[in-house]
Amino acid sequence: MDWKWPAEHSVDCKDYHPRIGGGQEEVGGWGRGTDKLANACDSSAAGYFHTYNGYGVNGADYVDFIFTFDDENTWCSGYRQSGPSSFPVTTFTKDIEIYTGDANFGPWTKVATDSHSTWHNGGTPTFPDDGTTTEWTPTAPSKYLLVRTLTNHGNTNHGGQLTVRFLQLKFSPPSK
């Protein structure tokens, strides 16, 4: 398995919030499409992800990232992300849970939990800090990966805003 930019490998990257469409309607980030998750899923310096105003990670709220692989037999063993240097580090991902599944909205199998650091690498698409990386040993292939962000590093503005500048997954297609 290799680290890859999801959007550059035909992986669909979408964000969801439990208070929008019961958690099954794509939010599209800030502006409902302006700062969407796909912006953070490629190596370009073109954009970032920022939660929709008022729909972040405050209290019982969380943000789900759902990644859809081309093939239902994709093996995935890692998730890493870093925040944009243009935002306060308090808006960066902190506590996460990671799940795999074969249907877009579950059932899900938990594969990892972790707490990420406030690292950013400016506008450089590299991940030199291990505190922004979560890896696990996969037990089965899947079509979907869900990363649930439960908290940021303390920011409560705009509903507990969450920002992500660069995001990669460690995955490989099925063996043929």
C-alpha atoms as a PDB file:
ATOM      1  CA  MET A   1       0.000   0.000   0.000  1.00  0.00           C
ATOM      2  CA  ASP A   2       1.130   3.497  -0.802  1.00  0.00           C
ATOM      3  CA  TRP A   3       0.181   6.982   0.358  1.00  0.00           C
ATOM      4  CA  LYS A   4      -1.944   8.615  -2.337  1.00  0.00           C
ATOM      5  CA  TRP A   5      -3.896  11.784  -2.976  1.00  0.00           C
ATOM      6  CA  PRO A   6      -7.481  10.471  -3.070  1.00  0.00           C
ATOM      7  CA  ALA A   7      -8.788  12.926  -5.684  1.00  0.00           C
ATOM      8  CA  GLU A   8      -5.890  12.058  -8.000  1.00  0.00           C
ATOM      9  CA  HIS A   9      -6.794   8.336  -7.813  1.00  0.00           C
ATOM     10  CA  SER A  10     -10.549   8.499  -8.522  1.00  0.00           C
ATOM     11  CA  VAL A  11     -11.552   8.426  -4.849  1.00  0.00           C
ATOM     12  CA  ASP A  12     -14.670  10.479  -4.125  1.00  0.00           C
ATOM     13  CA  CYS A  13     -14.166  12.752  -1.071  1.00  0.00           C
ATOM     14  CA  LYS A  14     -17.253  14.194   0.662  1.00  0.00           C
ATOM     15  CA  ASP A  15     -18.110  15.721   4.033  1.00  0.00           C
ATOM     16  CA  TYR A  16     -21.263  15.179   6.100  1.00  0.00           C
ATOM     17  CA  HIS A  17     -22.714  16.611   9.302  1.00  0.00           C
ATOM     18  CA  PRO A  18     -25.369  14.932  11.495  1.00  0.00           C
ATOM     19  CA  ARG A  19     -27.580  18.053  11.471  1.00  0.00           C
ATOM     20  CA  ILE A  20     -27.685  18.350   7.667  1.00  0.00           C
ATOM     21  CA  GLY A  21     -29.909  15.819   5.941  1.00  0.00           C
ATOM     22  CA  GLY A  22     -29.676  13.454   8.889  1.00  0.00           C
ATOM     23  CA  GLY A  23     -25.959  13.041   8.164  1.00  0.00           C
ATOM     24  CA  GLN A  24     -26.638  11.660   4.661  1.00  0.00           C
ATOM     25  CA  GLU A  25     -26.571  14.856   2.594  1.00  0.00           C
ATOM     26  CA  GLU A  26     -23.208  16.080   1.368  1.00  0.00           C
ATOM     27  CA  VAL A  27     -22.417  19.413   2.989  1.00  0.00           C
ATOM     28  CA  GLY A  28     -19.707  20.657   0.632  1.00  0.00           C
ATOM     29  CA  GLY A  29     -17.789  22.614   3.269  1.00  0.00           C
ATOM     30  CA  TRP A  30     -17.905  26.375   3.734  1.00  0.00           C
ATOM     31  CA  GLY A  31     -20.277  27.914   1.192  1.00  0.00           C
ATOM     32  CA  ARG A  32     -21.786  24.468   0.472  1.00  0.00           C
ATOM     33  CA  GLY A  33     -19.243  23.800  -2.272  1.00  0.00           C
ATOM     34  CA  THR A  34     -16.585  26.499  -2.023  1.00  0.00           C
ATOM     35  CA  ASP A  35     -14.209  24.914   0.507  1.00  0.00           C
ATOM     36  CA  LYS A  36     -15.201  21.285  -0.039  1.00  0.00           C
ATOM     37  CA  LEU A  37     -13.242  18.246   1.101  1.00  0.00           C
ATOM     38  CA  ALA A  38     -12.018  17.401  -2.416  1.00  0.00           C
ATOM     39  CA  ASN A  39      -9.869  20.581  -2.246  1.00  0.00           C
ATOM     40  CA  ALA A  40      -7.682  18.958   0.429  1.00  0.00           C
ATOM     41  CA  CYS A  41      -7.580  15.591  -1.362  1.00  0.00           C
ATOM     42  CA  ASP A  42      -5.170  16.566  -4.138  1.00  0.00           C
ATOM     43  CA  SER A  43      -1.566  17.726  -4.148  1.00  0.00           C
ATOM     44  CA  SER A  44      -2.190  21.166  -5.650  1.00  0.00           C
ATOM     45  CA  ALA A  45      -1.940  24.360  -3.663  1.00  0.00           C
ATOM     46  CA  ALA A  46      -5.381  25.387  -4.937  1.00  0.00           C
ATOM     47  CA  GLY A  47      -7.512  25.115  -1.807  1.00  0.00           C
ATOM     48  CA  TYR A  48      -8.467  23.594   1.517  1.00  0.00           C
ATOM     49  CA  PHE A  49     -11.445  22.183   3.403  1.00  0.00           C
ATOM     50  CA  HIS A  50     -13.354  24.358   5.868  1.00  0.00           C
ATOM     51  CA  THR A  51     -16.582  23.267   7.596  1.00  0.00           C
ATOM     52  CA  TYR A  52     -19.855  24.963   6.733  1.00  0.00           C
ATOM     53  CA  ASN A  53     -20.668  27.954   8.971  1.00  0.00           C
ATOM     54  CA  GLY A  54     -22.267  26.686  12.194  1.00  0.00           C
ATOM     55  CA  TYR A  55     -21.713  22.983  11.443  1.00  0.00           C
ATOM     56  CA  GLY A  56     -18.420  21.978  12.995  1.00  0.00           C
ATOM     57  CA  VAL A  57     -17.314  19.881  15.955  1.00  0.00           C
ATOM     58  CA  ASN A  58     -18.829  21.676  18.957  1.00  0.00           C
ATOM     59  CA  GLY A  59     -20.456  19.651  21.750  1.00  0.00           C
ATOM     60  CA  ALA A  60     -22.053  16.475  20.393  1.00  0.00           C
ATOM     61  CA  ASP A  61     -21.508  17.564  16.779  1.00  0.00           C
ATOM     62  CA  TYR A  62     -18.944  15.825  14.586  1.00  0.00           C
ATOM     63  CA  VAL A  63     -17.886  15.918  10.944  1.00  0.00           C
ATOM     64  CA  ASP A  64     -17.749  12.813   8.760  1.00  0.00           C
ATOM     65  CA  PHE A  65     -15.481  12.452   5.759  1.00  0.00           C
ATOM     66  CA  ILE A  66     -16.607   9.584   3.541  1.00  0.00           C
ATOM     67  CA  PHE A  67     -14.214   8.332   0.883  1.00  0.00           C
ATOM     68  CA  THR A  68     -15.606   6.152  -1.908  1.00  0.00           C
ATOM     69  CA  PHE A  69     -13.135   3.905  -3.702  1.00  0.00           C
ATOM     70  CA  ASP A  70     -13.652   2.787  -7.308  1.00  0.00           C
ATOM     71  CA  ASP A  71     -13.545  -0.854  -6.312  1.00  0.00           C
ATOM     72  CA  GLU A  72     -15.294  -2.510  -3.371  1.00  0.00           C
ATOM     73  CA  ASN A  73     -12.199  -4.642  -2.798  1.00  0.00           C
ATOM     74  CA  THR A  74      -9.821  -1.792  -1.964  1.00  0.00           C
ATOM     75  CA  TRP A  75      -7.440  -2.249   0.950  1.00  0.00           C
ATOM     76  CA  CYS A  76      -6.860   0.855   3.064  1.00  0.00           C
ATOM     77  CA  SER A  77      -4.506   1.144   6.039  1.00  0.00           C
ATOM     78  CA  GLY A  78      -3.850   4.833   6.677  1.00  0.00           C
ATOM     79  CA  TYR A  79      -5.172   8.382   6.928  1.00  0.00           C
ATOM     80  CA  ARG A  80      -3.120  11.542   7.292  1.00  0.00           C
ATOM     81  CA  GLN A  81      -3.935  15.218   7.156  1.00  0.00           C
ATOM     82  CA  SER A  82      -2.596  18.616   8.114  1.00  0.00           C
ATOM     83  CA  GLY A  83      -4.201  21.990   8.609  1.00  0.00           C
ATOM     84  CA  PRO A  84      -3.755  25.187   6.591  1.00  0.00           C
ATOM     85  CA  SER A  85      -1.214  27.670   7.934  1.00  0.00           C
ATOM     86  CA  SER A  86      -3.681  30.496   7.185  1.00  0.00           C
ATOM     87  CA  PHE A  87      -6.023  29.331  10.002  1.00  0.00           C
ATOM     88  CA  PRO A  88      -5.452  29.055  13.766  1.00  0.00           C
ATOM     89  CA  VAL A  89      -4.108  25.634  14.813  1.00  0.00           C
ATOM     90  CA  THR A  90      -7.146  25.395  17.121  1.00  0.00           C
ATOM     91  CA  THR A  91      -9.228  24.616  13.980  1.00  0.00           C
ATOM     92  CA  PHE A  92      -7.145  21.545  13.104  1.00  0.00           C
ATOM     93  CA  THR A  93      -8.310  17.932  13.459  1.00  0.00           C
ATOM     94  CA  LYS A  94      -7.789  16.438  16.908  1.00  0.00           C
ATOM     95  CA  ASP A  95      -9.793  13.328  17.937  1.00  0.00           C
ATOM     96  CA  ILE A  96     -10.895  10.936  15.191  1.00  0.00           C
ATOM     97  CA  GLU A  97     -12.483   7.544  14.672  1.00  0.00           C
ATOM     98  CA  ILE A  98     -11.993   5.599  11.444  1.00  0.00           C
ATOM     99  CA  TYR A  99     -14.390   3.031   9.987  1.00  0.00           C
ATOM    100  CA  THR A 100     -14.673   0.872   6.866  1.00  0.00           C
ATOM    101  CA  GLY A 101     -17.811  -0.372   5.185  1.00  0.00           C
ATOM    102  CA  ASP A 102     -19.422  -1.675   2.030  1.00  0.00           C
ATOM    103  CA  ALA A 103     -22.394   0.717   1.936  1.00  0.00           C
ATOM    104  CA  ASN A 104     -22.240   4.525   1.780  1.00  0.00           C
ATOM    105  CA  PHE A 105     -23.927   5.049   5.165  1.00  0.00           C
ATOM    106  CA  GLY A 106     -23.010   1.862   6.995  1.00  0.00           C
ATOM    107  CA  PRO A 107     -23.009  -0.461   8.683  1.00  0.00           C
ATOM    108  CA  TRP A 108     -19.482   0.505   9.688  1.00  0.00           C
ATOM    109  CA  THR A 109     -16.611  -1.398  11.275  1.00  0.00           C
ATOM    110  CA  LYS A 110     -14.308   0.666  13.485  1.00  0.00           C
ATOM    111  CA  VAL A 111     -10.647   0.157  12.524  1.00  0.00           C
ATOM    112  CA  ALA A 112      -8.857   2.945  14.443  1.00  0.00           C
ATOM    113  CA  THR A 113      -9.076   5.851  16.872  1.00  0.00           C
ATOM    114  CA  ASP A 114      -6.442   8.528  17.278  1.00  0.00           C
ATOM    115  CA  SER A 115      -5.653  12.076  18.305  1.00  0.00           C
ATOM    116  CA  HIS A 116      -3.830  14.301  15.805  1.00  0.00           C
ATOM    117  CA  SER A 117      -1.359  17.110  16.437  1.00  0.00           C
ATOM    118  CA  THR A 118      -1.545  20.756  15.376  1.00  0.00           C
ATOM    119  CA  TRP A 119       1.162  20.333  12.762  1.00  0.00           C
ATOM    120  CA  HIS A 120       1.073  22.188   9.438  1.00  0.00           C
ATOM    121  CA  ASN A 121       3.788  22.396   6.832  1.00  0.00           C
ATOM    122  CA  GLY A 122       2.869  25.762   5.376  1.00  0.00           C
ATOM    123  CA  GLY A 123       1.716  25.296   1.802  1.00  0.00           C
ATOM    124  CA  THR A 124       3.902  22.252   1.237  1.00  0.00           C
ATOM    125  CA  PRO A 125       2.108  18.959   0.529  1.00  0.00           C
ATOM    126  CA  THR A 126       4.330  16.808   2.761  1.00  0.00           C
ATOM    127  CA  PHE A 127       3.740  15.032   6.069  1.00  0.00           C
ATOM    128  CA  PRO A 128       6.962  15.061   8.107  1.00  0.00           C
ATOM    129  CA  ASP A 129       5.140  14.983  11.481  1.00  0.00           C
ATOM    130  CA  ASP A 130       3.879  11.563  12.654  1.00  0.00           C
ATOM    131  CA  GLY A 131       1.275  13.319  14.806  1.00  0.00           C
ATOM    132  CA  THR A 132      -0.908  13.888  11.748  1.00  0.00           C
ATOM    133  CA  THR A 133      -0.942  10.242  10.665  1.00  0.00           C
ATOM    134  CA  THR A 134      -3.092   7.273  11.693  1.00  0.00           C
ATOM    135  CA  GLU A 135      -2.341   3.768  10.440  1.00  0.00           C
ATOM    136  CA  TRP A 136      -3.994   0.407  11.118  1.00  0.00           C
ATOM    137  CA  THR A 137      -3.784  -3.196   9.949  1.00  0.00           C
ATOM    138  CA  PRO A 138      -6.739  -3.856   7.642  1.00  0.00           C
ATOM    139  CA  THR A 139      -8.639  -7.107   8.088  1.00  0.00           C
ATOM    140  CA  ALA A 140     -10.823  -6.845   4.975  1.00  0.00           C
ATOM    141  CA  PRO A 141     -11.140  -4.752   1.815  1.00  0.00           C
ATOM    142  CA  SER A 142     -13.956  -2.214   1.507  1.00  0.00           C
ATOM    143  CA  LYS A 143     -15.671   0.242  -0.819  1.00  0.00           C
ATOM    144  CA  TYR A 144     -15.975   3.074   1.746  1.00  0.00           C
ATOM    145  CA  LEU A 145     -13.819   4.684   4.411  1.00  0.00           C
ATOM    146  CA  LEU A 146     -15.335   6.987   7.039  1.00  0.00           C
ATOM    147  CA  VAL A 147     -13.187   9.355   9.093  1.00  0.00           C
ATOM    148  CA  ARG A 148     -15.223  10.925  11.896  1.00  0.00           C
ATOM    149  CA  THR A 149     -13.680  14.029  13.453  1.00  0.00           C
ATOM    150  CA  LEU A 150     -15.004  14.419  16.984  1.00  0.00           C
ATOM    151  CA  THR A 151     -12.975  17.455  18.102  1.00  0.00           C
ATOM    152  CA  ASN A 152     -10.646  20.180  16.927  1.00  0.00           C
ATOM    153  CA  HIS A 153      -7.950  21.755  19.112  1.00  0.00           C
ATOM    154  CA  GLY A 154     -10.359  24.102  20.902  1.00  0.00           C
ATOM    155  CA  ASN A 155     -11.796  26.572  18.374  1.00  0.00           C
ATOM    156  CA  THR A 156     -15.527  27.210  18.952  1.00  0.00           C
ATOM    157  CA  ASN A 157     -16.074  29.862  16.254  1.00  0.00           C
ATOM    158  CA  HIS A 158     -18.570  29.070  13.491  1.00  0.00           C
ATOM    159  CA  GLY A 159     -19.836  26.006  15.369  1.00  0.00           C
ATOM    160  CA  GLY A 160     -16.394  24.582  16.122  1.00  0.00           C
ATOM    161  CA  GLN A 161     -14.828  25.066  12.722  1.00  0.00           C
ATOM    162  CA  LEU A 162     -12.559  22.417  11.270  1.00  0.00           C
ATOM    163  CA  THR A 163      -9.959  23.005   8.557  1.00  0.00           C
ATOM    164  CA  VAL A 164      -7.817  20.596   6.516  1.00  0.00           C
ATOM    165  CA  ARG A 165      -5.195  21.679   3.983  1.00  0.00           C
ATOM    166  CA  PHE A 166      -3.705  18.385   2.793  1.00  0.00           C
ATOM    167  CA  LEU A 167      -5.114  14.878   3.120  1.00  0.00           C
ATOM    168  CA  GLN A 168      -3.855  11.488   1.962  1.00  0.00           C
ATOM    169  CA  LEU A 169      -4.982   7.871   2.293  1.00  0.00           C
ATOM    170  CA  LYS A 170      -2.783   4.783   2.296  1.00  0.00           C
ATOM    171  CA  PHE A 171      -4.481   2.280   0.021  1.00  0.00           C
ATOM    172  CA  SER A 172      -4.072  -0.161  -2.806  1.00  0.00           C
ATOM    173  CA  PRO A 173      -6.449  -1.592  -5.377  1.00  0.00           C
ATOM    174  CA  PRO A 174      -7.371  -5.262  -5.200  1.00  0.00           C
ATOM    175  CA  SER A 175      -4.902  -7.817  -6.535  1.00  0.00           C
ATOM    176  CA  LYS A 176      -5.875  -9.024  -9.971  1.00  0.00           C
END
